[in-house]
Amino acid sequence: MTLPDISTTDPVVTGSPDLDAVVATLVAAFRDDPIIEWAIPPTTLGRDYHLAAFFASTTEFLLNHGGVVAAPEDYSAVLVWSPPGEPAVSDAENQAFVDRLAASTGACGARVRALMEALDAHHPADLPPHCHVMFAAVRPESRGTGVRASLTGALRAMRLHDGVGVYAEASSPRNLRLWERLGGRRVGAEIALPEGGPSLYPIFFGLPSDSVDAP
């Protein structure tokens, strides 16, 4: 959902990461993200607990259905994505996941549900085969140290090897500009969250043959 600058250690791409370390980085990185602030506001009692529940449940769900994580050894930054066609789940399985996710976030459950349902409803159906980047994050203390290039390099290598594109949702106009500088292009309309909430901006990276640069 966001892709700030990160450190220089070569990432490991795996379907079996240290989930606690992944979640700790996501919580640290997304505390002030506008989409997460809308879903789980800063005034929420026990906010870090609910943030951890949200990121742990979502990441574990993706990992259990073919998703992968790229991260340096210290997990100072992470990319979480699903390969093409994943997660291959039934409507009932997806509904059960959203129900559990909403229940785990207490009073914020209704907004968390609205967020996840908006992402599902607006995922473009006409894109070529692609992976879906769900989270891209860096710990605040590691920003500006240059690892972004290594993580996007891992994603680029996967794309070129497997011949697929990359889809993501930028969580703010600033992050949208960053994705566009990396070579992405807007696809479809912005995803406006209810109750006057902020918007997400769908973006796509095609293959080099599509004249869109790799991230």
N, C-alpha and C. Protein backbone atom coordinates (compact mmCIF):
# COMPACT_ATOMS: atom_id res chain seq x y z
N MET A 1 0.81 -1.21 0.00
CA MET A 1 0.00 0.00 0.00
C MET A 1 0.85 1.26 0.00
N THR A 2 2.08 1.14 0.47
CA THR A 2 2.99 2.27 0.41
C THR A 2 4.40 1.75 0.18
N LEU A 3 5.25 2.57 -0.42
CA LEU A 3 6.59 2.09 -0.74
C LEU A 3 7.63 3.16 -0.48
N PRO A 4 7.98 3.41 0.80
CA PRO A 4 9.01 4.38 1.11
C PRO A 4 10.41 3.82 0.92
N ASP A 5 11.41 4.69 1.11
CA ASP A 5 12.80 4.26 0.98
C ASP A 5 13.18 3.30 2.10
N ILE A 6 14.00 2.29 1.77
CA ILE A 6 14.43 1.31 2.76
C ILE A 6 15.92 0.95 2.64
N SER A 7 16.50 0.03 3.50
CA SER A 7 17.96 -0.16 3.64
C SER A 7 18.61 -1.02 2.56
N THR A 8 19.85 -1.44 2.66
CA THR A 8 20.60 -2.00 1.53
C THR A 8 20.85 -3.50 1.57
N THR A 9 20.35 -4.19 2.53
CA THR A 9 20.60 -5.62 2.63
C THR A 9 19.80 -6.37 1.58
N ASP A 10 20.46 -7.37 0.93
CA ASP A 10 19.74 -8.15 -0.07
C ASP A 10 18.56 -8.88 0.57
N PRO A 11 17.38 -8.81 -0.06
CA PRO A 11 16.21 -9.45 0.55
C PRO A 11 16.16 -10.94 0.27
N VAL A 12 15.48 -11.65 1.13
CA VAL A 12 15.15 -13.05 0.93
C VAL A 12 13.67 -13.12 0.58
N VAL A 13 13.34 -13.86 -0.47
CA VAL A 13 11.94 -14.04 -0.87
C VAL A 13 11.50 -15.42 -0.40
N THR A 14 10.45 -15.47 0.42
CA THR A 14 10.06 -16.74 1.02
C THR A 14 8.57 -16.78 1.29
N GLY A 15 8.02 -17.97 1.30
CA GLY A 15 6.65 -18.19 1.72
C GLY A 15 6.55 -18.55 3.18
N SER A 16 7.70 -18.59 3.89
CA SER A 16 7.72 -18.94 5.31
C SER A 16 8.57 -17.95 6.09
N PRO A 17 8.16 -16.68 6.12
CA PRO A 17 8.95 -15.67 6.84
C PRO A 17 8.72 -15.76 8.34
N ASP A 18 9.47 -14.95 9.08
CA ASP A 18 9.22 -14.76 10.51
C ASP A 18 8.01 -13.82 10.60
N LEU A 19 6.83 -14.39 10.82
CA LEU A 19 5.60 -13.60 10.77
C LEU A 19 5.60 -12.49 11.83
N ASP A 20 6.10 -12.78 13.02
CA ASP A 20 6.14 -11.75 14.06
C ASP A 20 6.99 -10.56 13.62
N ALA A 21 8.12 -10.83 12.96
CA ALA A 21 8.99 -9.75 12.50
C ALA A 21 8.32 -8.96 11.38
N VAL A 22 7.65 -9.66 10.48
CA VAL A 22 6.92 -8.98 9.40
C VAL A 22 5.87 -8.04 9.99
N VAL A 23 5.10 -8.56 10.94
CA VAL A 23 4.02 -7.77 11.54
C VAL A 23 4.58 -6.57 12.29
N ALA A 24 5.67 -6.75 13.01
CA ALA A 24 6.27 -5.65 13.75
C ALA A 24 6.67 -4.51 12.82
N THR A 25 7.23 -4.85 11.67
CA THR A 25 7.62 -3.83 10.70
C THR A 25 6.40 -3.15 10.10
N LEU A 26 5.37 -3.93 9.77
CA LEU A 26 4.16 -3.34 9.19
C LEU A 26 3.48 -2.39 10.18
N VAL A 27 3.41 -2.79 11.44
CA VAL A 27 2.80 -1.91 12.45
C VAL A 27 3.59 -0.62 12.56
N ALA A 28 4.92 -0.71 12.64
CA ALA A 28 5.75 0.48 12.78
C ALA A 28 5.63 1.40 11.57
N ALA A 29 5.55 0.81 10.38
CA ALA A 29 5.55 1.60 9.16
C ALA A 29 4.20 2.23 8.85
N PHE A 30 3.11 1.58 9.24
CA PHE A 30 1.79 2.02 8.81
C PHE A 30 1.02 2.80 9.88
N ARG A 31 1.63 3.11 11.01
CA ARG A 31 0.89 3.82 12.05
C ARG A 31 0.28 5.13 11.54
N ASP A 32 1.00 5.84 10.67
CA ASP A 32 0.50 7.13 10.20
C ASP A 32 0.06 7.10 8.74
N ASP A 33 -0.15 5.91 8.20
CA ASP A 33 -0.66 5.80 6.83
C ASP A 33 -2.12 6.23 6.82
N PRO A 34 -2.55 7.05 5.84
CA PRO A 34 -3.92 7.58 5.87
C PRO A 34 -5.00 6.51 5.80
N ILE A 35 -4.76 5.43 5.07
CA ILE A 35 -5.77 4.37 4.98
C ILE A 35 -5.89 3.63 6.31
N ILE A 36 -4.76 3.32 6.93
CA ILE A 36 -4.79 2.62 8.20
C ILE A 36 -5.32 3.54 9.30
N GLU A 37 -4.99 4.83 9.24
CA GLU A 37 -5.54 5.76 10.23
C GLU A 37 -7.06 5.84 10.13
N TRP A 38 -7.58 5.72 8.91
CA TRP A 38 -9.04 5.71 8.75
C TRP A 38 -9.63 4.41 9.30
N ALA A 39 -9.01 3.30 8.98
CA ALA A 39 -9.56 2.00 9.39
C ALA A 39 -9.42 1.77 10.90
N ILE A 40 -8.27 2.12 11.45
CA ILE A 40 -8.00 1.94 12.88
C ILE A 40 -7.43 3.27 13.39
N PRO A 41 -8.30 4.19 13.77
CA PRO A 41 -7.88 5.56 14.09
C PRO A 41 -6.86 5.63 15.23
N PRO A 42 -6.04 6.70 15.24
CA PRO A 42 -5.04 6.86 16.29
C PRO A 42 -5.62 6.91 17.69
N THR A 43 -6.89 7.29 17.83
CA THR A 43 -7.51 7.36 19.15
C THR A 43 -8.03 6.01 19.65
N THR A 44 -7.87 4.96 18.85
CA THR A 44 -8.38 3.64 19.23
C THR A 44 -7.66 3.11 20.47
N LEU A 45 -8.43 2.66 21.45
CA LEU A 45 -7.84 2.06 22.65
C LEU A 45 -7.15 0.76 22.27
N GLY A 46 -5.91 0.57 22.72
CA GLY A 46 -5.17 -0.63 22.35
C GLY A 46 -4.88 -0.70 20.86
N ARG A 47 -4.57 0.42 20.25
CA ARG A 47 -4.43 0.48 18.80
C ARG A 47 -3.37 -0.47 18.26
N ASP A 48 -2.19 -0.53 18.90
CA ASP A 48 -1.14 -1.39 18.38
C ASP A 48 -1.57 -2.86 18.37
N TYR A 49 -2.36 -3.26 19.35
CA TYR A 49 -2.87 -4.63 19.37
C TYR A 49 -3.75 -4.89 18.14
N HIS A 50 -4.63 -3.95 17.83
CA HIS A 50 -5.51 -4.12 16.67
C HIS A 50 -4.75 -4.03 15.35
N LEU A 51 -3.75 -3.14 15.30
CA LEU A 51 -2.92 -3.06 14.10
C LEU A 51 -2.21 -4.40 13.87
N ALA A 52 -1.64 -4.96 14.94
CA ALA A 52 -0.94 -6.23 14.81
C ALA A 52 -1.90 -7.34 14.37
N ALA A 53 -3.10 -7.34 14.93
CA ALA A 53 -4.09 -8.35 14.54
C ALA A 53 -4.44 -8.23 13.06
N PHE A 54 -4.61 -7.00 12.60
CA PHE A 54 -4.94 -6.77 11.19
C PHE A 54 -3.83 -7.27 10.27
N PHE A 55 -2.59 -6.86 10.55
CA PHE A 55 -1.49 -7.23 9.67
C PHE A 55 -1.16 -8.72 9.77
N ALA A 56 -1.24 -9.29 10.97
CA ALA A 56 -0.95 -10.71 11.13
C ALA A 56 -1.98 -11.56 10.40
N SER A 57 -3.26 -11.26 10.58
CA SER A 57 -4.31 -12.05 9.95
C SER A 57 -4.24 -11.96 8.44
N THR A 58 -4.03 -10.75 7.92
CA THR A 58 -4.00 -10.57 6.47
C THR A 58 -2.78 -11.24 5.85
N THR A 59 -1.61 -11.03 6.45
CA THR A 59 -0.39 -11.63 5.91
C THR A 59 -0.45 -13.15 5.99
N GLU A 60 -0.91 -13.69 7.11
CA GLU A 60 -1.01 -15.14 7.25
C GLU A 60 -1.99 -15.73 6.24
N PHE A 61 -3.08 -15.05 6.00
CA PHE A 61 -4.05 -15.51 5.00
C PHE A 61 -3.40 -15.59 3.62
N LEU A 62 -2.67 -14.55 3.26
CA LEU A 62 -2.00 -14.56 1.95
C LEU A 62 -0.94 -15.66 1.88
N LEU A 63 -0.16 -15.81 2.93
CA LEU A 63 0.88 -16.86 2.94
C LEU A 63 0.27 -18.25 2.83
N ASN A 64 -0.87 -18.44 3.45
CA ASN A 64 -1.54 -19.75 3.39
C ASN A 64 -2.15 -20.04 2.03
N HIS A 65 -2.16 -19.05 1.17
CA HIS A 65 -2.74 -19.23 -0.17
C HIS A 65 -1.76 -18.79 -1.25
N GLY A 66 -0.49 -19.12 -1.05
CA GLY A 66 0.50 -18.92 -2.10
C GLY A 66 1.26 -17.62 -2.05
N GLY A 67 0.96 -16.74 -1.09
CA GLY A 67 1.65 -15.47 -1.02
C GLY A 67 3.09 -15.61 -0.56
N VAL A 68 3.87 -14.55 -0.77
CA VAL A 68 5.29 -14.54 -0.40
C VAL A 68 5.65 -13.20 0.22
N VAL A 69 6.77 -13.21 0.93
CA VAL A 69 7.33 -12.01 1.55
C VAL A 69 8.76 -11.85 1.09
N ALA A 70 9.14 -10.63 0.76
CA ALA A 70 10.55 -10.30 0.52
C ALA A 70 10.99 -9.36 1.63
N ALA A 71 12.13 -9.68 2.25
CA ALA A 71 12.62 -8.85 3.35
C ALA A 71 14.11 -9.09 3.54
N PRO A 72 14.86 -8.06 3.98
CA PRO A 72 16.24 -8.30 4.38
C PRO A 72 16.26 -9.11 5.67
N GLU A 73 17.43 -9.55 6.06
CA GLU A 73 17.56 -10.44 7.21
C GLU A 73 17.01 -9.83 8.49
N ASP A 74 17.12 -8.51 8.65
CA ASP A 74 16.65 -7.88 9.88
C ASP A 74 15.19 -7.44 9.81
N TYR A 75 14.53 -7.71 8.71
CA TYR A 75 13.11 -7.36 8.52
C TYR A 75 12.86 -5.87 8.73
N SER A 76 13.84 -5.06 8.39
CA SER A 76 13.65 -3.62 8.48
C SER A 76 12.71 -3.09 7.41
N ALA A 77 12.44 -3.92 6.41
CA ALA A 77 11.52 -3.57 5.34
C ALA A 77 10.90 -4.85 4.80
N VAL A 78 9.68 -4.75 4.30
CA VAL A 78 9.01 -5.94 3.78
C VAL A 78 8.15 -5.60 2.58
N LEU A 79 8.08 -6.56 1.66
CA LEU A 79 7.09 -6.58 0.59
C LEU A 79 6.26 -7.85 0.77
N VAL A 80 4.95 -7.72 0.74
CA VAL A 80 4.06 -8.87 0.86
C VAL A 80 3.20 -8.90 -0.39
N TRP A 81 3.27 -10.00 -1.15
CA TRP A 81 2.47 -10.06 -2.37
C TRP A 81 1.93 -11.45 -2.64
N SER A 82 0.92 -11.49 -3.50
CA SER A 82 0.33 -12.74 -3.96
C SER A 82 0.69 -12.96 -5.42
N PRO A 83 1.13 -14.17 -5.79
CA PRO A 83 1.41 -14.46 -7.18
C PRO A 83 0.12 -14.45 -8.02
N PRO A 84 0.25 -14.51 -9.34
CA PRO A 84 -0.94 -14.53 -10.20
C PRO A 84 -1.91 -15.64 -9.81
N GLY A 85 -3.18 -15.29 -9.73
CA GLY A 85 -4.21 -16.27 -9.42
C GLY A 85 -4.36 -16.60 -7.97
N GLU A 86 -3.54 -15.99 -7.09
CA GLU A 86 -3.62 -16.27 -5.66
C GLU A 86 -4.11 -15.02 -4.92
N PRO A 87 -4.75 -15.16 -3.77
CA PRO A 87 -5.13 -16.44 -3.17
C PRO A 87 -6.34 -17.05 -3.86
N ALA A 88 -6.24 -18.33 -4.22
CA ALA A 88 -7.34 -19.03 -4.87
C ALA A 88 -8.27 -19.56 -3.78
N VAL A 89 -9.24 -18.75 -3.39
CA VAL A 89 -10.15 -19.11 -2.31
C VAL A 89 -11.58 -18.95 -2.79
N SER A 90 -12.46 -19.69 -2.15
CA SER A 90 -13.88 -19.58 -2.47
C SER A 90 -14.46 -18.32 -1.83
N ASP A 91 -15.65 -17.94 -2.29
CA ASP A 91 -16.32 -16.79 -1.68
C ASP A 91 -16.55 -17.05 -0.19
N ALA A 92 -16.89 -18.28 0.16
CA ALA A 92 -17.14 -18.60 1.57
C ALA A 92 -15.87 -18.46 2.39
N GLU A 93 -14.73 -18.93 1.86
CA GLU A 93 -13.47 -18.80 2.58
C GLU A 93 -13.09 -17.34 2.75
N ASN A 94 -13.27 -16.56 1.70
CA ASN A 94 -12.93 -15.15 1.79
C ASN A 94 -13.82 -14.43 2.80
N GLN A 95 -15.12 -14.76 2.80
CA GLN A 95 -16.03 -14.14 3.75
C GLN A 95 -15.66 -14.51 5.19
N ALA A 96 -15.28 -15.76 5.39
CA ALA A 96 -14.87 -16.19 6.73
C ALA A 96 -13.63 -15.43 7.18
N PHE A 97 -12.69 -15.21 6.26
CA PHE A 97 -11.49 -14.44 6.59
C PHE A 97 -11.85 -13.01 6.98
N VAL A 98 -12.69 -12.35 6.18
CA VAL A 98 -13.07 -10.97 6.49
C VAL A 98 -13.80 -10.90 7.82
N ASP A 99 -14.66 -11.88 8.09
CA ASP A 99 -15.37 -11.91 9.39
C ASP A 99 -14.38 -12.01 10.55
N ARG A 100 -13.37 -12.90 10.42
CA ARG A 100 -12.37 -13.05 11.49
C ARG A 100 -11.56 -11.77 11.66
N LEU A 101 -11.22 -11.17 10.54
CA LEU A 101 -10.43 -9.94 10.57
C LEU A 101 -11.21 -8.82 11.26
N ALA A 102 -12.47 -8.69 10.92
CA ALA A 102 -13.30 -7.65 11.54
C ALA A 102 -13.43 -7.92 13.04
N ALA A 103 -13.64 -9.17 13.42
CA ALA A 103 -13.79 -9.50 14.84
C ALA A 103 -12.51 -9.22 15.61
N SER A 104 -11.35 -9.41 14.97
CA SER A 104 -10.07 -9.24 15.67
C SER A 104 -9.71 -7.78 15.89
N THR A 105 -10.41 -6.86 15.23
CA THR A 105 -10.09 -5.44 15.34
C THR A 105 -11.14 -4.66 16.14
N GLY A 106 -11.94 -5.37 16.90
CA GLY A 106 -12.84 -4.76 17.87
C GLY A 106 -13.77 -3.73 17.28
N ALA A 107 -13.79 -2.54 17.92
CA ALA A 107 -14.70 -1.48 17.50
C ALA A 107 -14.39 -0.97 16.10
N CYS A 108 -13.20 -1.26 15.58
CA CYS A 108 -12.81 -0.83 14.23
C CYS A 108 -13.21 -1.85 13.17
N GLY A 109 -13.85 -2.94 13.60
CA GLY A 109 -14.15 -4.03 12.68
C GLY A 109 -14.96 -3.62 11.47
N ALA A 110 -15.92 -2.73 11.64
CA ALA A 110 -16.77 -2.34 10.51
C ALA A 110 -15.95 -1.62 9.44
N ARG A 111 -15.04 -0.75 9.87
CA ARG A 111 -14.21 -0.05 8.89
C ARG A 111 -13.18 -0.98 8.24
N VAL A 112 -12.62 -1.88 9.02
CA VAL A 112 -11.69 -2.85 8.45
C VAL A 112 -12.41 -3.70 7.41
N ARG A 113 -13.63 -4.13 7.72
CA ARG A 113 -14.41 -4.89 6.75
C ARG A 113 -14.65 -4.06 5.48
N ALA A 114 -15.03 -2.80 5.66
CA ALA A 114 -15.29 -1.94 4.50
C ALA A 114 -14.05 -1.79 3.63
N LEU A 115 -12.88 -1.66 4.27
CA LEU A 115 -11.63 -1.54 3.53
C LEU A 115 -11.37 -2.79 2.69
N MET A 116 -11.45 -3.96 3.31
CA MET A 116 -11.14 -5.19 2.59
C MET A 116 -12.16 -5.45 1.48
N GLU A 117 -13.42 -5.16 1.74
CA GLU A 117 -14.44 -5.37 0.71
C GLU A 117 -14.25 -4.39 -0.45
N ALA A 118 -13.80 -3.16 -0.16
CA ALA A 118 -13.53 -2.20 -1.23
C ALA A 118 -12.37 -2.67 -2.10
N LEU A 119 -11.31 -3.20 -1.48
CA LEU A 119 -10.18 -3.71 -2.25
C LEU A 119 -10.61 -4.86 -3.16
N ASP A 120 -11.41 -5.77 -2.63
CA ASP A 120 -11.88 -6.90 -3.43
C ASP A 120 -12.77 -6.42 -4.58
N ALA A 121 -13.67 -5.51 -4.29
CA ALA A 121 -14.65 -5.08 -5.28
C ALA A 121 -14.02 -4.30 -6.43
N HIS A 122 -12.91 -3.62 -6.17
CA HIS A 122 -12.32 -2.75 -7.18
C HIS A 122 -11.08 -3.33 -7.84
N HIS A 123 -10.72 -4.57 -7.51
CA HIS A 123 -9.57 -5.17 -8.19
C HIS A 123 -9.93 -5.37 -9.66
N PRO A 124 -9.19 -4.74 -10.58
CA PRO A 124 -9.56 -4.83 -12.00
C PRO A 124 -9.61 -6.27 -12.50
N ALA A 125 -10.65 -6.57 -13.25
CA ALA A 125 -10.83 -7.93 -13.75
C ALA A 125 -10.18 -8.15 -15.11
N ASP A 126 -9.73 -7.08 -15.75
CA ASP A 126 -9.26 -7.19 -17.13
C ASP A 126 -7.74 -7.02 -17.28
N LEU A 127 -7.00 -7.10 -16.17
CA LEU A 127 -5.55 -6.98 -16.26
C LEU A 127 -4.93 -8.29 -16.74
N PRO A 128 -3.77 -8.23 -17.39
CA PRO A 128 -3.05 -9.47 -17.71
C PRO A 128 -2.56 -10.13 -16.43
N PRO A 129 -2.04 -11.36 -16.50
CA PRO A 129 -1.55 -12.04 -15.29
C PRO A 129 -0.60 -11.14 -14.49
N HIS A 130 -0.79 -11.11 -13.18
CA HIS A 130 -0.01 -10.19 -12.35
C HIS A 130 0.04 -10.68 -10.92
N CYS A 131 1.05 -10.21 -10.20
CA CYS A 131 1.07 -10.38 -8.75
C CYS A 131 0.45 -9.14 -8.11
N HIS A 132 -0.08 -9.31 -6.92
CA HIS A 132 -0.74 -8.21 -6.21
C HIS A 132 0.09 -7.88 -4.97
N VAL A 133 0.69 -6.71 -4.96
CA VAL A 133 1.43 -6.26 -3.78
C VAL A 133 0.43 -5.72 -2.77
N MET A 134 0.29 -6.43 -1.65
CA MET A 134 -0.64 -6.01 -0.61
C MET A 134 -0.02 -4.99 0.32
N PHE A 135 1.22 -5.24 0.75
CA PHE A 135 1.91 -4.33 1.65
C PHE A 135 3.35 -4.13 1.17
N ALA A 136 3.82 -2.90 1.27
CA ALA A 136 5.24 -2.58 1.04
C ALA A 136 5.61 -1.54 2.08
N ALA A 137 6.57 -1.84 2.93
CA ALA A 137 6.79 -0.97 4.08
C ALA A 137 8.22 -1.01 4.56
N VAL A 138 8.59 0.03 5.32
CA VAL A 138 9.90 0.13 5.94
C VAL A 138 9.74 0.72 7.33
N ARG A 139 10.56 0.24 8.25
CA ARG A 139 10.56 0.83 9.58
C ARG A 139 11.02 2.29 9.50
N PRO A 140 10.40 3.17 10.25
CA PRO A 140 10.76 4.59 10.16
C PRO A 140 12.25 4.86 10.35
N GLU A 141 12.90 4.16 11.27
CA GLU A 141 14.32 4.41 11.53
C GLU A 141 15.23 3.94 10.40
N SER A 142 14.68 3.16 9.45
CA SER A 142 15.49 2.64 8.35
C SER A 142 15.23 3.37 7.04
N ARG A 143 14.37 4.37 7.07
CA ARG A 143 14.06 5.08 5.83
C ARG A 143 15.26 5.89 5.35
N GLY A 144 15.36 5.98 4.02
CA GLY A 144 16.44 6.75 3.43
C GLY A 144 17.76 6.03 3.36
N THR A 145 17.79 4.72 3.66
CA THR A 145 19.06 3.99 3.65
C THR A 145 19.26 3.14 2.40
N GLY A 146 18.29 3.14 1.47
CA GLY A 146 18.53 2.58 0.14
C GLY A 146 18.11 1.18 -0.16
N VAL A 147 17.41 0.47 0.74
CA VAL A 147 17.04 -0.92 0.44
C VAL A 147 15.84 -1.03 -0.49
N ARG A 148 15.15 0.07 -0.71
CA ARG A 148 14.02 0.02 -1.63
C ARG A 148 14.42 -0.60 -2.96
N ALA A 149 15.60 -0.22 -3.46
CA ALA A 149 16.05 -0.74 -4.75
C ALA A 149 16.21 -2.25 -4.72
N SER A 150 16.68 -2.80 -3.60
CA SER A 150 16.88 -4.25 -3.55
C SER A 150 15.54 -4.98 -3.50
N LEU A 151 14.56 -4.43 -2.81
CA LEU A 151 13.25 -5.09 -2.77
C LEU A 151 12.54 -4.99 -4.11
N THR A 152 12.57 -3.81 -4.72
CA THR A 152 11.94 -3.70 -6.03
C THR A 152 12.71 -4.52 -7.06
N GLY A 153 14.03 -4.69 -6.83
CA GLY A 153 14.80 -5.56 -7.72
C GLY A 153 14.35 -7.00 -7.62
N ALA A 154 14.03 -7.45 -6.39
CA ALA A 154 13.53 -8.82 -6.22
C ALA A 154 12.20 -8.99 -6.92
N LEU A 155 11.36 -7.98 -6.82
CA LEU A 155 10.07 -8.03 -7.49
C LEU A 155 10.23 -8.01 -9.00
N ARG A 156 11.18 -7.22 -9.48
CA ARG A 156 11.44 -7.15 -10.92
C ARG A 156 11.93 -8.49 -11.45
N ALA A 157 12.83 -9.12 -10.69
CA ALA A 157 13.36 -10.42 -11.13
C ALA A 157 12.26 -11.46 -11.22
N MET A 158 11.36 -11.43 -10.23
CA MET A 158 10.24 -12.37 -10.26
C MET A 158 9.35 -12.11 -11.46
N ARG A 159 9.08 -10.85 -11.75
CA ARG A 159 8.22 -10.51 -12.88
C ARG A 159 8.83 -10.99 -14.19
N LEU A 160 10.13 -10.70 -14.37
CA LEU A 160 10.76 -11.08 -15.63
C LEU A 160 10.86 -12.59 -15.77
N HIS A 161 11.09 -13.29 -14.65
CA HIS A 161 11.20 -14.74 -14.69
C HIS A 161 9.86 -15.38 -14.99
N ASP A 162 8.81 -14.87 -14.35
CA ASP A 162 7.49 -15.48 -14.49
C ASP A 162 6.63 -14.83 -15.58
N GLY A 163 7.09 -13.70 -16.11
CA GLY A 163 6.34 -13.06 -17.18
C GLY A 163 5.00 -12.49 -16.75
N VAL A 164 4.99 -11.80 -15.61
CA VAL A 164 3.75 -11.24 -15.09
C VAL A 164 3.94 -9.76 -14.77
N GLY A 165 2.82 -9.05 -14.61
CA GLY A 165 2.84 -7.67 -14.19
C GLY A 165 2.70 -7.55 -12.68
N VAL A 166 2.59 -6.31 -12.21
CA VAL A 166 2.42 -6.04 -10.78
C VAL A 166 1.26 -5.06 -10.61
N TYR A 167 0.35 -5.40 -9.69
CA TYR A 167 -0.77 -4.52 -9.34
C TYR A 167 -0.63 -4.12 -7.88
N ALA A 168 -0.95 -2.87 -7.58
CA ALA A 168 -0.92 -2.40 -6.19
C ALA A 168 -1.93 -1.28 -6.04
N GLU A 169 -2.22 -0.93 -4.78
CA GLU A 169 -3.06 0.22 -4.50
C GLU A 169 -2.26 1.22 -3.68
N ALA A 170 -1.97 2.39 -4.27
CA ALA A 170 -1.26 3.43 -3.54
C ALA A 170 -2.20 4.02 -2.50
N SER A 171 -1.69 4.24 -1.28
CA SER A 171 -2.55 4.65 -0.18
C SER A 171 -2.61 6.16 0.04
N SER A 172 -1.97 6.92 -0.82
CA SER A 172 -2.03 8.38 -0.73
C SER A 172 -1.53 8.96 -2.04
N PRO A 173 -1.85 10.23 -2.34
CA PRO A 173 -1.29 10.84 -3.54
C PRO A 173 0.24 10.82 -3.55
N ARG A 174 0.86 10.99 -2.37
CA ARG A 174 2.33 10.94 -2.31
C ARG A 174 2.84 9.58 -2.74
N ASN A 175 2.23 8.51 -2.22
CA ASN A 175 2.68 7.18 -2.59
C ASN A 175 2.37 6.87 -4.04
N LEU A 176 1.28 7.43 -4.55
CA LEU A 176 0.97 7.27 -5.96
C LEU A 176 2.08 7.87 -6.82
N ARG A 177 2.55 9.06 -6.46
CA ARG A 177 3.63 9.68 -7.23
C ARG A 177 4.89 8.84 -7.18
N LEU A 178 5.16 8.22 -6.03
CA LEU A 178 6.33 7.36 -5.91
C LEU A 178 6.20 6.15 -6.83
N TRP A 179 5.04 5.47 -6.80
CA TRP A 179 4.83 4.32 -7.69
C TRP A 179 4.97 4.75 -9.15
N GLU A 180 4.46 5.93 -9.49
CA GLU A 180 4.55 6.39 -10.88
C GLU A 180 6.00 6.67 -11.26
N ARG A 181 6.79 7.20 -10.34
CA ARG A 181 8.22 7.41 -10.64
C ARG A 181 8.93 6.09 -10.86
N LEU A 182 8.44 5.03 -10.25
CA LEU A 182 9.03 3.71 -10.44
C LEU A 182 8.58 3.05 -11.75
N GLY A 183 7.64 3.68 -12.44
CA GLY A 183 7.21 3.15 -13.73
C GLY A 183 5.78 2.67 -13.80
N GLY A 184 5.02 2.79 -12.73
CA GLY A 184 3.63 2.33 -12.74
C GLY A 184 2.71 3.32 -13.44
N ARG A 185 1.53 2.85 -13.77
CA ARG A 185 0.51 3.71 -14.38
C ARG A 185 -0.83 3.46 -13.71
N ARG A 186 -1.62 4.51 -13.61
CA ARG A 186 -2.94 4.39 -13.01
C ARG A 186 -3.83 3.47 -13.85
N VAL A 187 -4.64 2.67 -13.17
CA VAL A 187 -5.64 1.84 -13.85
C VAL A 187 -6.96 2.00 -13.09
N GLY A 188 -8.01 2.31 -13.81
CA GLY A 188 -9.32 2.42 -13.18
C GLY A 188 -9.44 3.65 -12.30
N ALA A 189 -10.60 3.76 -11.66
CA ALA A 189 -10.91 4.90 -10.81
C ALA A 189 -10.32 4.72 -9.42
N GLU A 190 -10.12 5.82 -8.71
CA GLU A 190 -9.68 5.73 -7.33
C GLU A 190 -10.73 5.01 -6.49
N ILE A 191 -10.28 4.39 -5.42
CA ILE A 191 -11.17 3.64 -4.53
C ILE A 191 -11.45 4.53 -3.32
N ALA A 192 -12.62 5.15 -3.29
CA ALA A 192 -12.98 6.05 -2.19
C ALA A 192 -13.62 5.25 -1.06
N LEU A 193 -13.06 5.36 0.12
CA LEU A 193 -13.61 4.66 1.28
C LEU A 193 -14.83 5.41 1.81
N PRO A 194 -15.77 4.72 2.45
CA PRO A 194 -17.02 5.36 2.90
C PRO A 194 -16.80 6.33 4.05
N GLU A 195 -17.88 7.02 4.42
CA GLU A 195 -17.88 7.95 5.54
C GLU A 195 -16.86 9.06 5.36
N GLY A 196 -16.68 9.50 4.12
CA GLY A 196 -15.73 10.56 3.85
C GLY A 196 -14.28 10.15 4.01
N GLY A 197 -14.02 8.86 3.91
CA GLY A 197 -12.66 8.36 4.09
C GLY A 197 -11.74 8.70 2.94
N PRO A 198 -10.44 8.41 3.08
CA PRO A 198 -9.47 8.68 2.03
C PRO A 198 -9.63 7.71 0.87
N SER A 199 -8.84 7.92 -0.16
CA SER A 199 -8.90 7.08 -1.36
C SER A 199 -7.62 6.29 -1.54
N LEU A 200 -7.76 5.13 -2.19
CA LEU A 200 -6.62 4.37 -2.70
C LEU A 200 -6.60 4.52 -4.21
N TYR A 201 -5.41 4.35 -4.79
CA TYR A 201 -5.22 4.60 -6.22
C TYR A 201 -4.63 3.36 -6.88
N PRO A 202 -5.45 2.60 -7.61
CA PRO A 202 -4.93 1.39 -8.27
C PRO A 202 -3.85 1.75 -9.29
N ILE A 203 -2.80 0.94 -9.31
CA ILE A 203 -1.68 1.19 -10.20
C ILE A 203 -1.15 -0.14 -10.72
N PHE A 204 -0.60 -0.11 -11.94
CA PHE A 204 -0.17 -1.36 -12.58
C PHE A 204 1.17 -1.16 -13.26
N PHE A 205 2.02 -2.18 -13.12
CA PHE A 205 3.29 -2.26 -13.84
C PHE A 205 3.18 -3.40 -14.84
N GLY A 206 3.24 -3.10 -16.12
CA GLY A 206 3.24 -4.15 -17.12
C GLY A 206 4.63 -4.69 -17.35
N LEU A 207 4.74 -5.60 -18.29
CA LEU A 207 6.04 -6.14 -18.69
C LEU A 207 6.74 -5.15 -19.60
N PRO A 208 8.06 -5.28 -19.78
CA PRO A 208 8.78 -4.37 -20.67
C PRO A 208 8.15 -4.28 -22.05
N SER A 209 7.58 -5.37 -22.54
CA SER A 209 6.95 -5.36 -23.86
C SER A 209 5.70 -4.50 -23.89
N ASP A 210 5.17 -4.15 -22.68
CA ASP A 210 4.00 -3.27 -22.60
C ASP A 210 4.41 -1.80 -22.51
N SER A 211 5.73 -1.54 -22.62
CA SER A 211 6.26 -0.18 -22.57
C SER A 211 6.05 0.48 -21.22
N VAL A 212 6.02 -0.32 -20.15
CA VAL A 212 5.95 0.20 -18.80
C VAL A 212 7.17 -0.31 -18.05
N ASP A 213 7.95 0.59 -17.47
CA ASP A 213 9.19 0.21 -16.80
C ASP A 213 8.91 -0.66 -15.58
N ALA A 214 9.82 -1.58 -15.31
CA ALA A 214 9.73 -2.37 -14.09
C ALA A 214 10.04 -1.49 -12.90
N PRO A 215 9.44 -1.80 -11.72
CA PRO A 215 9.76 -1.01 -10.53
C PRO A 215 11.18 -1.25 -10.07
